[in-house]
Amino acid sequence: MINKNDVIKGKVIDLTHEGHGVIKLDRYPIFVPNVLIDEEVEFKVIKVKKNFAIGKLLKVLKQSEQRVTPPCIYYEKCGGCQLQHMSYESQLKMKKQQVVNLFHKKAKLEETVIHDTIGMNHPWRYRNKSQLPVGKDKNNKTIMGYYRQRSHDIIDMDSCLIQDEKQQELMNDIKQWLNELNVSIYNEKNKKGLLRHVVIRTSHYTNEVMIIFVTNGSKFKEAETLVHRLTEVYPDITSIKQNINNSHSNVIMGKQSMTLYGKDKITDKLSETIFEISDQSFYQINSVQTEKLYQKAIDYAQLSGNEIVLDTYCGIGTIGLYMASVAKHVYGVEIVPSAIEDAKQNALINHFDNTTFECGKAEEVIIEWKQKGIEPDVIMVDPPRKGCDQVFIETLLELAPKRIIYISCNPSTQQRDAQLLANLYHLKEITPVDMFPHTTHIETVALFERKTV
């Protein structure tokens, strides 16, 4: 029998989807973070449940050849990364194996070809957006960083190796000025205080910068001083905004924003397509890998210039506009009104006259388009983590395009949806793309082809 605080030795036989090692004692699984397959380790049991336990690594007794020293000094505390102790080559293999486990073993789609994970040549400094919680330490000093894993304890940081370097410089200067100006900081426990988060967006190709101060209320008396200091030290800052979020929830940003300095939006580009990005826009975090992801989607779509493409969950139009130059017409639908307005504006900026964007529920709008005689050759699907709902899947089956290209940030819900499409569609191949190196997140793009009768 295993008890809390027991110190045990064991061999790691597998990794979970969270990257935790699996050690079994008489078929009872114990999950231990920061270990690798085939390592022999000593660990302390910190939680015991009926069907599993959780351990904390004490010592690696026999080390894997794939173990590396994490370069980040905050790695053992911070929850931002989970795989820095694993060689990058092993990370890519692990992510492919997780997709294999889901689609070949769980979904029983053994005929689907699963390609190697597309990685980065330089898998650091890739984030074009940082959402930094702000708090106070026990000495009442303002701190800023990322949360400790599975908690809301802020790890005060001066450096983050997956952040854009400009974001890191800004983070440190803003933190210093917040202390000097004694800016009121929001306290999650008593729901009092002003500043909740600092969000920094940087354009990968245009070097534009947006800073968003997320506040619990509209009165922000230090804003003018902060704007002055920021623009004096960083003259290339394009936009400074204040976002008001007084909801007392875990949602980072509220619905109301105001521009304190500069433009309302910043611009970036993917390949040759230009995008305007607001503080609320969904835009992929890793610009370098996004180009690879979208190019793979175009390859799967097999566009010759004569196809009608439907881009569901289109957001600000990124993937649809990326495809517009090689499609006959792109139709995009999104439930968020501001995103659709951004998509229309982005189409104008890029001089695309072969695009149509409409706001509404995807399953309703695309049926309306069908009734108007619009028959898609390809449907792009890029849903949130929860995947597609039943009504939307049924709508896809009713439209029955030649190909469905399904981009997913959660392969678990993607394989569930694949089984629902299986009567009419053959899942031909999947390519994992490493959008978030050193984390357990996996992005995939899948090609579904309509079966011939």
Protein backbone atom coordinates (compact mmCIF):
# COMPACT_ATOMS: atom_id res chain seq x y z
CA MET A 1 0.00 0.00 0.00
CA ILE A 2 1.29 3.46 -0.96
CA ASN A 3 0.97 6.33 1.49
CA LYS A 4 1.56 10.05 1.31
CA ASN A 5 5.19 11.05 2.05
CA ASP A 6 6.54 7.59 1.14
CA VAL A 7 9.94 7.77 -0.59
CA ILE A 8 10.03 5.25 -3.45
CA LYS A 9 12.37 4.20 -6.24
CA GLY A 10 11.01 3.25 -9.65
CA LYS A 11 11.51 3.18 -13.43
CA VAL A 12 9.65 5.50 -15.81
CA ILE A 13 7.77 3.46 -18.43
CA ASP A 14 5.76 6.15 -20.25
CA LEU A 15 4.79 9.84 -20.38
CA THR A 16 1.30 11.32 -19.99
CA HIS A 17 -0.09 13.99 -22.31
CA GLU A 18 1.09 16.51 -19.70
CA GLY A 19 4.65 15.19 -20.00
CA HIS A 20 4.60 13.54 -16.56
CA GLY A 21 6.42 10.26 -16.12
CA VAL A 22 4.41 7.08 -15.44
CA ILE A 23 5.78 4.67 -12.83
CA LYS A 24 3.77 1.58 -11.92
CA LEU A 25 3.91 -0.36 -8.67
CA ASP A 26 1.76 -3.51 -8.86
CA ARG A 27 -0.15 -1.91 -11.76
CA TYR A 28 -0.89 1.19 -9.67
CA PRO A 29 0.23 4.30 -11.63
CA ILE A 30 2.22 7.09 -10.03
CA PHE A 31 2.72 10.29 -12.05
CA VAL A 32 5.99 12.17 -11.53
CA PRO A 33 6.85 15.45 -13.34
CA ASN A 34 10.30 16.28 -14.75
CA VAL A 35 11.34 12.71 -15.54
CA LEU A 36 11.94 10.86 -18.83
CA ILE A 37 11.18 7.40 -20.18
CA ASP A 38 13.60 4.66 -18.97
CA GLU A 39 14.97 6.81 -16.17
CA GLU A 40 15.29 5.25 -12.74
CA VAL A 41 14.32 7.79 -10.12
CA GLU A 42 13.67 8.35 -6.45
CA PHE A 43 10.54 10.31 -5.62
CA LYS A 44 8.31 11.33 -2.74
CA VAL A 45 4.57 10.60 -2.85
CA ILE A 46 2.71 13.89 -2.36
CA LYS A 47 -0.88 12.85 -3.20
CA VAL A 48 -2.66 9.48 -3.08
CA LYS A 49 -5.95 8.77 -4.86
CA LYS A 50 -7.91 5.56 -5.39
CA ASN A 51 -6.68 5.02 -8.94
CA PHE A 52 -3.38 6.91 -9.02
CA ALA A 53 -0.81 8.86 -7.03
CA ILE A 54 1.37 11.89 -7.71
CA GLY A 55 5.03 12.04 -6.83
CA LYS A 56 7.72 14.71 -6.58
CA LEU A 57 11.13 13.94 -8.06
CA LEU A 58 13.90 13.77 -5.48
CA LYS A 59 16.80 12.25 -7.44
CA VAL A 60 17.54 10.80 -10.87
CA LEU A 61 19.37 7.52 -10.24
CA LYS A 62 19.82 6.52 -13.89
CA GLN A 63 19.63 9.37 -16.36
CA SER A 64 18.21 9.27 -19.90
CA GLU A 65 20.43 10.36 -22.79
CA GLN A 66 17.61 12.72 -23.73
CA ARG A 67 17.83 14.68 -20.47
CA VAL A 68 19.19 18.23 -20.78
CA THR A 69 19.80 20.98 -18.25
CA PRO A 70 16.94 23.51 -18.42
CA PRO A 71 18.46 26.89 -19.37
CA CYS A 72 15.74 28.85 -17.56
CA ILE A 73 16.49 29.67 -13.91
CA TYR A 74 12.75 29.73 -13.09
CA TYR A 75 11.92 26.39 -14.75
CA GLU A 76 11.38 24.35 -11.60
CA LYS A 77 8.97 26.95 -10.17
CA CYS A 78 7.21 28.40 -13.22
CA GLY A 79 4.26 26.73 -14.93
CA GLY A 80 4.90 28.36 -18.32
CA CYS A 81 7.06 25.50 -19.64
CA GLN A 82 6.95 21.80 -18.78
CA LEU A 83 9.54 20.14 -21.05
CA GLN A 84 12.79 22.08 -20.79
CA HIS A 85 14.45 19.05 -19.14
CA MET A 86 13.87 17.09 -22.38
CA SER A 87 15.95 17.49 -25.54
CA TYR A 88 14.07 19.30 -28.28
CA GLU A 89 14.29 16.30 -30.59
CA SER A 90 12.62 14.19 -27.90
CA GLN A 91 9.89 16.80 -27.41
CA LEU A 92 8.98 16.55 -31.10
CA LYS A 93 8.91 12.74 -30.95
CA MET A 94 6.78 12.80 -27.79
CA LYS A 95 4.22 15.08 -29.41
CA LYS A 96 3.97 12.86 -32.46
CA GLN A 97 3.55 9.80 -30.24
CA GLN A 98 0.69 11.43 -28.39
CA VAL A 99 -1.10 12.03 -31.70
CA VAL A 100 -0.43 8.40 -32.69
CA ASN A 101 -1.88 7.21 -29.37
CA LEU A 102 -5.02 9.27 -29.86
CA PHE A 103 -5.77 8.46 -33.50
CA HIS A 104 -4.32 4.99 -34.03
CA LYS A 105 -5.00 3.45 -30.62
CA LYS A 106 -7.95 5.34 -29.13
CA ALA A 107 -9.89 6.30 -32.26
CA LYS A 108 -8.85 3.12 -34.14
CA LEU A 109 -8.00 5.12 -37.26
CA GLU A 110 -4.91 3.02 -37.99
CA GLU A 111 -4.81 3.85 -41.71
CA THR A 112 -4.25 7.57 -41.06
CA VAL A 113 -0.71 8.67 -41.86
CA ILE A 114 0.77 10.68 -38.99
CA HIS A 115 3.82 12.69 -39.98
CA ASP A 116 6.75 13.78 -37.85
CA THR A 117 6.17 16.94 -35.83
CA ILE A 118 7.28 20.11 -37.63
CA GLY A 119 9.63 21.85 -35.22
CA MET A 120 11.55 25.13 -35.03
CA ASN A 121 15.16 25.70 -36.03
CA HIS A 122 15.56 28.01 -33.02
CA PRO A 123 12.87 27.06 -30.47
CA TRP A 124 13.29 30.07 -28.16
CA ARG A 125 12.01 33.67 -28.01
CA TYR A 126 8.98 32.75 -30.09
CA ARG A 127 6.04 34.30 -28.21
CA ASN A 128 4.63 37.44 -29.83
CA LYS A 129 2.23 37.95 -26.92
CA SER A 130 2.76 37.86 -23.16
CA GLN A 131 -0.06 38.06 -20.61
CA LEU A 132 1.64 38.90 -17.35
CA PRO A 133 -0.24 38.82 -14.03
CA VAL A 134 0.76 41.54 -11.56
CA GLY A 135 0.83 41.12 -7.79
CA LYS A 136 2.58 41.98 -4.53
CA ASP A 137 5.11 39.94 -2.59
CA LYS A 138 5.26 39.64 1.21
CA ASN A 139 7.29 42.87 1.36
CA ASN A 140 4.58 44.74 -0.60
CA LYS A 141 6.83 44.97 -3.66
CA THR A 142 5.17 44.77 -7.08
CA ILE A 143 5.98 41.52 -8.88
CA MET A 144 5.28 40.33 -12.40
CA GLY A 145 5.79 37.03 -14.20
CA TYR A 146 3.94 33.77 -14.79
CA TYR A 147 1.96 31.57 -12.44
CA ARG A 148 3.43 28.63 -10.59
CA GLN A 149 2.05 25.43 -12.13
CA ARG A 150 -1.51 24.63 -11.00
CA SER A 151 -1.73 27.77 -8.86
CA HIS A 152 -2.25 31.51 -8.97
CA ASP A 153 1.02 32.21 -7.17
CA ILE A 154 3.03 34.63 -9.32
CA ILE A 155 6.68 33.78 -9.94
CA ASP A 156 8.48 37.13 -10.05
CA MET A 157 10.66 37.00 -13.17
CA ASP A 158 13.28 39.13 -14.86
CA SER A 159 13.76 36.78 -17.80
CA CYS A 160 11.65 34.40 -19.87
CA LEU A 161 13.38 32.46 -22.65
CA ILE A 162 10.24 31.92 -24.72
CA GLN A 163 9.27 35.62 -24.68
CA ASP A 164 10.26 38.02 -27.42
CA GLU A 165 13.31 39.90 -26.08
CA LYS A 166 11.59 43.28 -26.42
CA GLN A 167 8.76 41.99 -24.22
CA GLN A 168 11.28 41.02 -21.57
CA GLU A 169 12.85 44.50 -21.55
CA LEU A 170 9.42 46.11 -21.31
CA MET A 171 8.32 43.75 -18.53
CA ASN A 172 11.29 44.69 -16.36
CA ASP A 173 10.98 48.45 -16.91
CA ILE A 174 7.22 48.47 -16.35
CA LYS A 175 7.63 46.49 -13.13
CA GLN A 176 10.22 49.00 -11.87
CA TRP A 177 8.00 51.98 -12.71
CA LEU A 178 4.95 50.38 -11.08
CA ASN A 179 6.97 50.17 -7.87
CA GLU A 180 8.29 53.73 -8.14
CA LEU A 181 4.82 55.15 -8.79
CA ASN A 182 3.21 52.93 -6.15
CA VAL A 183 0.48 51.89 -8.57
CA SER A 184 -2.43 50.10 -6.89
CA ILE A 185 -2.24 46.36 -7.64
CA TYR A 186 -5.27 44.06 -7.80
CA ASN A 187 -5.57 41.43 -5.07
CA GLU A 188 -7.37 38.27 -6.19
CA LYS A 189 -8.39 37.33 -2.65
CA ASN A 190 -10.16 40.50 -1.58
CA LYS A 191 -10.99 41.68 -5.14
CA LYS A 192 -9.53 45.13 -4.43
CA GLY A 193 -6.83 47.12 -6.18
CA LEU A 194 -6.40 48.39 -9.74
CA LEU A 195 -3.83 46.78 -12.05
CA ARG A 196 -4.47 43.12 -12.85
CA HIS A 197 -2.36 42.23 -15.89
CA VAL A 198 0.09 43.76 -18.33
CA VAL A 199 -0.30 42.36 -21.84
CA ILE A 200 2.44 42.96 -24.41
CA ARG A 201 2.05 42.19 -28.12
CA THR A 202 4.96 42.45 -30.56
CA SER A 203 4.83 42.10 -34.35
CA HIS A 204 7.30 39.51 -35.58
CA TYR A 205 7.91 41.10 -38.98
CA THR A 206 7.08 44.78 -38.51
CA ASN A 207 8.53 45.23 -34.99
CA GLU A 208 5.44 47.15 -33.82
CA VAL A 209 4.61 46.98 -30.11
CA MET A 210 1.32 47.20 -28.21
CA ILE A 211 1.06 47.40 -24.41
CA ILE A 212 -2.26 46.83 -22.62
CA PHE A 213 -2.80 47.65 -18.96
CA VAL A 214 -5.72 45.56 -17.68
CA THR A 215 -7.38 47.36 -14.78
CA ASN A 216 -10.16 46.72 -12.29
CA GLY A 217 -11.98 49.98 -13.05
CA SER A 218 -11.47 52.98 -15.34
CA LYS A 219 -9.63 55.44 -13.05
CA PHE A 220 -5.89 55.04 -13.70
CA LYS A 221 -4.16 58.20 -12.50
CA GLU A 222 -0.62 56.96 -13.20
CA ALA A 223 -1.42 56.17 -16.84
CA GLU A 224 -0.11 59.47 -18.21
CA THR A 225 3.24 59.09 -16.43
CA LEU A 226 3.61 55.48 -17.56
CA VAL A 227 2.82 56.42 -21.17
CA HIS A 228 5.40 59.22 -21.05
CA ARG A 229 8.12 56.96 -19.66
CA LEU A 230 7.37 54.12 -22.04
CA THR A 231 7.40 56.26 -25.18
CA GLU A 232 10.50 58.14 -24.06
CA VAL A 233 12.51 54.95 -23.51
CA TYR A 234 10.88 52.96 -26.33
CA PRO A 235 10.09 55.34 -29.21
CA ASP A 236 9.08 52.40 -31.42
CA ILE A 237 6.01 51.65 -29.28
CA THR A 238 3.00 51.78 -31.59
CA SER A 239 0.06 51.53 -29.20
CA ILE A 240 -0.66 51.75 -25.47
CA LYS A 241 -4.13 50.78 -24.28
CA GLN A 242 -6.14 50.36 -21.10
CA ASN A 243 -8.55 47.45 -20.86
CA ILE A 244 -11.16 47.43 -18.10
CA ASN A 245 -11.96 44.10 -16.48
CA ASN A 246 -13.95 44.31 -13.24
CA SER A 247 -15.53 40.86 -13.57
CA HIS A 248 -13.51 39.21 -10.75
CA SER A 249 -13.21 36.08 -12.88
CA ASN A 250 -10.24 34.23 -14.38
CA VAL A 251 -10.83 35.91 -17.75
CA ILE A 252 -7.83 38.13 -18.40
CA MET A 253 -9.39 40.93 -20.44
CA GLY A 254 -12.71 42.72 -20.31
CA LYS A 255 -14.81 43.97 -23.22
CA GLN A 256 -14.04 47.70 -22.91
CA SER A 257 -10.73 49.17 -24.10
CA MET A 258 -9.43 52.68 -24.67
CA THR A 259 -6.33 53.89 -26.47
CA LEU A 260 -3.97 55.88 -24.26
CA TYR A 261 -1.32 56.45 -26.92
CA GLY A 262 -0.76 55.84 -30.62
CA LYS A 263 -2.83 53.61 -32.88
CA ASP A 264 -5.74 51.36 -31.94
CA LYS A 265 -4.06 48.37 -33.63
CA ILE A 266 -0.67 47.06 -34.65
CA THR A 267 0.16 45.33 -37.93
CA ASP A 268 2.01 42.12 -38.67
CA LYS A 269 2.24 39.82 -41.65
CA LEU A 270 2.27 36.11 -42.39
CA SER A 271 4.13 35.44 -45.63
CA GLU A 272 2.91 38.33 -47.80
CA THR A 273 -0.47 38.80 -46.10
CA ILE A 274 -0.81 41.81 -43.76
CA PHE A 275 -2.98 41.76 -40.64
CA GLU A 276 -4.16 44.46 -38.28
CA ILE A 277 -4.29 43.16 -34.71
CA SER A 278 -6.26 44.76 -31.88
CA ASP A 279 -5.88 44.14 -28.16
CA GLN A 280 -8.75 41.63 -28.33
CA SER A 281 -7.77 39.84 -31.55
CA PHE A 282 -6.96 36.15 -31.59
CA TYR A 283 -3.65 35.85 -33.41
CA GLN A 284 -1.36 32.84 -33.28
CA ILE A 285 1.38 33.22 -30.64
CA ASN A 286 4.23 31.84 -32.77
CA SER A 287 4.48 33.65 -36.11
CA VAL A 288 7.29 31.48 -37.54
CA GLN A 289 5.40 28.24 -36.91
CA THR A 290 2.07 29.73 -37.99
CA GLU A 291 3.44 30.15 -41.51
CA LYS A 292 4.40 26.48 -41.54
CA LEU A 293 1.00 25.46 -40.15
CA TYR A 294 -0.92 27.50 -42.70
CA GLN A 295 1.28 26.35 -45.57
CA LYS A 296 0.56 22.75 -44.62
CA ALA A 297 -3.17 23.58 -44.58
CA ILE A 298 -2.86 25.06 -48.10
CA ASP A 299 -0.99 21.97 -49.27
CA TYR A 300 -3.76 19.75 -47.89
CA ALA A 301 -6.46 21.95 -49.48
CA GLN A 302 -4.91 21.37 -52.94
CA LEU A 303 -5.99 24.79 -54.18
CA SER A 304 -5.57 25.56 -57.88
CA GLY A 305 -7.35 28.92 -57.95
CA ASN A 306 -10.76 27.48 -58.87
CA GLU A 307 -11.97 26.37 -55.45
CA ILE A 308 -14.57 27.82 -53.09
CA VAL A 309 -13.20 27.79 -49.52
CA LEU A 310 -15.27 28.13 -46.35
CA ASP A 311 -13.29 29.32 -43.33
CA THR A 312 -15.28 28.50 -40.21
CA TYR A 313 -14.22 29.95 -36.84
CA CYS A 314 -12.37 32.48 -39.00
CA GLY A 315 -11.45 35.03 -36.31
CA ILE A 316 -9.78 38.08 -37.91
CA GLY A 317 -9.46 36.15 -41.16
CA THR A 318 -5.90 34.88 -40.81
CA ILE A 319 -6.13 31.44 -42.46
CA GLY A 320 -8.83 32.47 -44.96
CA LEU A 321 -6.89 35.50 -46.16
CA TYR A 322 -3.71 33.42 -46.24
CA MET A 323 -5.55 31.17 -48.74
CA ALA A 324 -7.29 33.93 -50.70
CA SER A 325 -4.48 34.38 -53.22
CA VAL A 326 -4.78 30.73 -54.34
CA ALA A 327 -8.57 30.28 -54.10
CA LYS A 328 -11.46 31.40 -56.31
CA HIS A 329 -13.39 32.78 -53.32
CA VAL A 330 -13.07 32.54 -49.54
CA TYR A 331 -16.11 32.77 -47.27
CA GLY A 332 -15.43 33.29 -43.56
CA VAL A 333 -17.79 33.06 -40.61
CA GLU A 334 -17.17 33.94 -36.95
CA ILE A 335 -19.49 34.55 -34.00
CA VAL A 336 -17.50 37.52 -32.60
CA PRO A 337 -18.62 40.78 -34.33
CA SER A 338 -15.36 42.70 -33.76
CA ALA A 339 -13.36 39.85 -35.28
CA ILE A 340 -15.48 39.93 -38.43
CA GLU A 341 -14.97 43.69 -38.76
CA ASP A 342 -11.22 43.10 -38.43
CA ALA A 343 -11.39 40.36 -41.07
CA LYS A 344 -13.15 42.69 -43.51
CA GLN A 345 -10.59 45.41 -42.86
CA ASN A 346 -7.73 42.96 -43.34
CA ALA A 347 -9.21 41.91 -46.69
CA LEU A 348 -9.26 45.58 -47.78
CA ILE A 349 -5.66 46.12 -46.64
CA ASN A 350 -4.53 43.18 -48.75
CA HIS A 351 -6.70 44.18 -51.75
CA PHE A 352 -8.58 40.87 -51.78
CA ASP A 353 -11.92 41.23 -53.57
CA ASN A 354 -12.60 37.48 -53.51
CA THR A 355 -13.54 37.27 -49.82
CA THR A 356 -16.83 37.45 -47.91
CA PHE A 357 -17.00 37.57 -44.11
CA GLU A 358 -20.17 37.24 -42.08
CA CYS A 359 -20.94 37.25 -38.37
CA GLY A 360 -23.00 34.45 -36.86
CA LYS A 361 -22.99 30.80 -35.80
CA ALA A 362 -21.04 28.80 -38.35
CA GLU A 363 -23.63 26.01 -38.63
CA GLU A 364 -26.37 28.55 -39.40
CA VAL A 365 -24.50 30.88 -41.75
CA ILE A 366 -22.99 28.18 -43.96
CA ILE A 367 -26.45 26.60 -44.47
CA GLU A 368 -27.73 30.03 -45.53
CA TRP A 369 -24.85 30.23 -48.00
CA LYS A 370 -25.73 26.77 -49.33
CA GLN A 371 -29.32 27.92 -49.91
CA LYS A 372 -27.87 30.76 -52.00
CA GLY A 373 -26.06 28.24 -54.17
CA ILE A 374 -22.62 28.47 -52.60
CA GLU A 375 -21.10 24.99 -52.75
CA PRO A 376 -17.71 24.74 -51.00
CA ASP A 377 -14.91 22.56 -52.33
CA VAL A 378 -12.89 22.91 -49.12
CA ILE A 379 -13.99 23.73 -45.57
CA MET A 380 -11.42 25.01 -43.07
CA VAL A 381 -12.15 24.15 -39.44
CA ASP A 382 -10.14 25.72 -36.60
CA PRO A 383 -12.30 25.46 -33.46
CA PRO A 384 -11.48 26.30 -29.82
CA ARG A 385 -10.09 23.61 -27.47
CA LYS A 386 -13.52 22.06 -26.91
CA GLY A 387 -13.65 21.09 -30.59
CA CYS A 388 -16.77 21.11 -32.79
CA ASP A 389 -20.25 20.65 -31.40
CA GLN A 390 -22.65 18.02 -32.70
CA VAL A 391 -24.77 20.44 -34.75
CA PHE A 392 -21.71 21.80 -36.53
CA ILE A 393 -20.47 18.28 -37.37
CA GLU A 394 -23.89 17.43 -38.78
CA THR A 395 -23.77 20.61 -40.88
CA LEU A 396 -20.36 19.63 -42.29
CA LEU A 397 -21.75 16.23 -43.24
CA GLU A 398 -24.74 17.89 -44.92
CA LEU A 399 -22.52 20.18 -47.01
CA ALA A 400 -20.16 17.28 -47.83
CA PRO A 401 -17.26 19.22 -49.38
CA LYS A 402 -14.47 17.30 -51.16
CA ARG A 403 -12.01 18.10 -48.40
CA ILE A 404 -12.09 19.27 -44.80
CA ILE A 405 -8.90 20.76 -43.34
CA TYR A 406 -9.11 20.61 -39.57
CA ILE A 407 -6.61 22.61 -37.49
CA SER A 408 -6.70 21.79 -33.79
CA CYS A 409 -5.05 23.03 -30.61
CA ASN A 410 -6.43 19.96 -28.79
CA PRO A 411 -5.91 16.63 -30.62
CA SER A 412 -8.06 14.87 -28.01
CA THR A 413 -11.25 16.63 -29.16
CA GLN A 414 -10.04 16.45 -32.76
CA GLN A 415 -9.94 12.63 -32.64
CA ARG A 416 -13.43 12.61 -31.14
CA ASP A 417 -14.68 14.74 -34.03
CA ALA A 418 -12.80 12.54 -36.52
CA GLN A 419 -14.84 9.55 -35.38
CA LEU A 420 -18.07 11.52 -35.97
CA LEU A 421 -16.94 12.32 -39.52
CA ALA A 422 -15.74 8.79 -40.25
CA ASN A 423 -18.88 7.52 -42.05
CA LEU A 424 -18.46 10.04 -44.86
CA TYR A 425 -14.80 11.08 -44.61
CA HIS A 426 -11.47 9.32 -44.65
CA LEU A 427 -8.91 10.92 -42.35
CA LYS A 428 -5.98 10.67 -44.74
CA GLU A 429 -3.15 12.30 -42.82
CA ILE A 430 -2.20 14.48 -39.86
CA THR A 431 0.80 16.73 -39.32
CA PRO A 432 1.63 17.93 -35.80
CA VAL A 433 3.21 21.41 -35.68
CA ASP A 434 5.16 22.53 -32.63
CA MET A 435 3.65 25.94 -32.00
CA PHE A 436 4.74 26.03 -28.34
CA PRO A 437 8.23 24.53 -27.86
CA HIS A 438 9.11 23.39 -24.33
CA THR A 439 5.44 23.08 -23.39
CA THR A 440 3.08 20.11 -23.67
CA HIS A 441 0.76 21.89 -26.13
CA ILE A 442 0.31 20.29 -29.55
CA GLU A 443 -1.19 21.83 -32.69
CA THR A 444 -2.23 19.57 -35.55
CA VAL A 445 -3.53 19.99 -39.08
CA ALA A 446 -5.54 17.11 -40.54
CA LEU A 447 -6.76 16.28 -44.04
CA PHE A 448 -10.19 14.68 -44.38
CA GLU A 449 -11.22 13.49 -47.86
CA ARG A 450 -14.80 12.59 -48.81
CA LYS A 451 -15.17 8.90 -49.44
CA THR A 452 -16.16 7.76 -52.92
CA VAL A 453 -19.31 5.67 -53.12
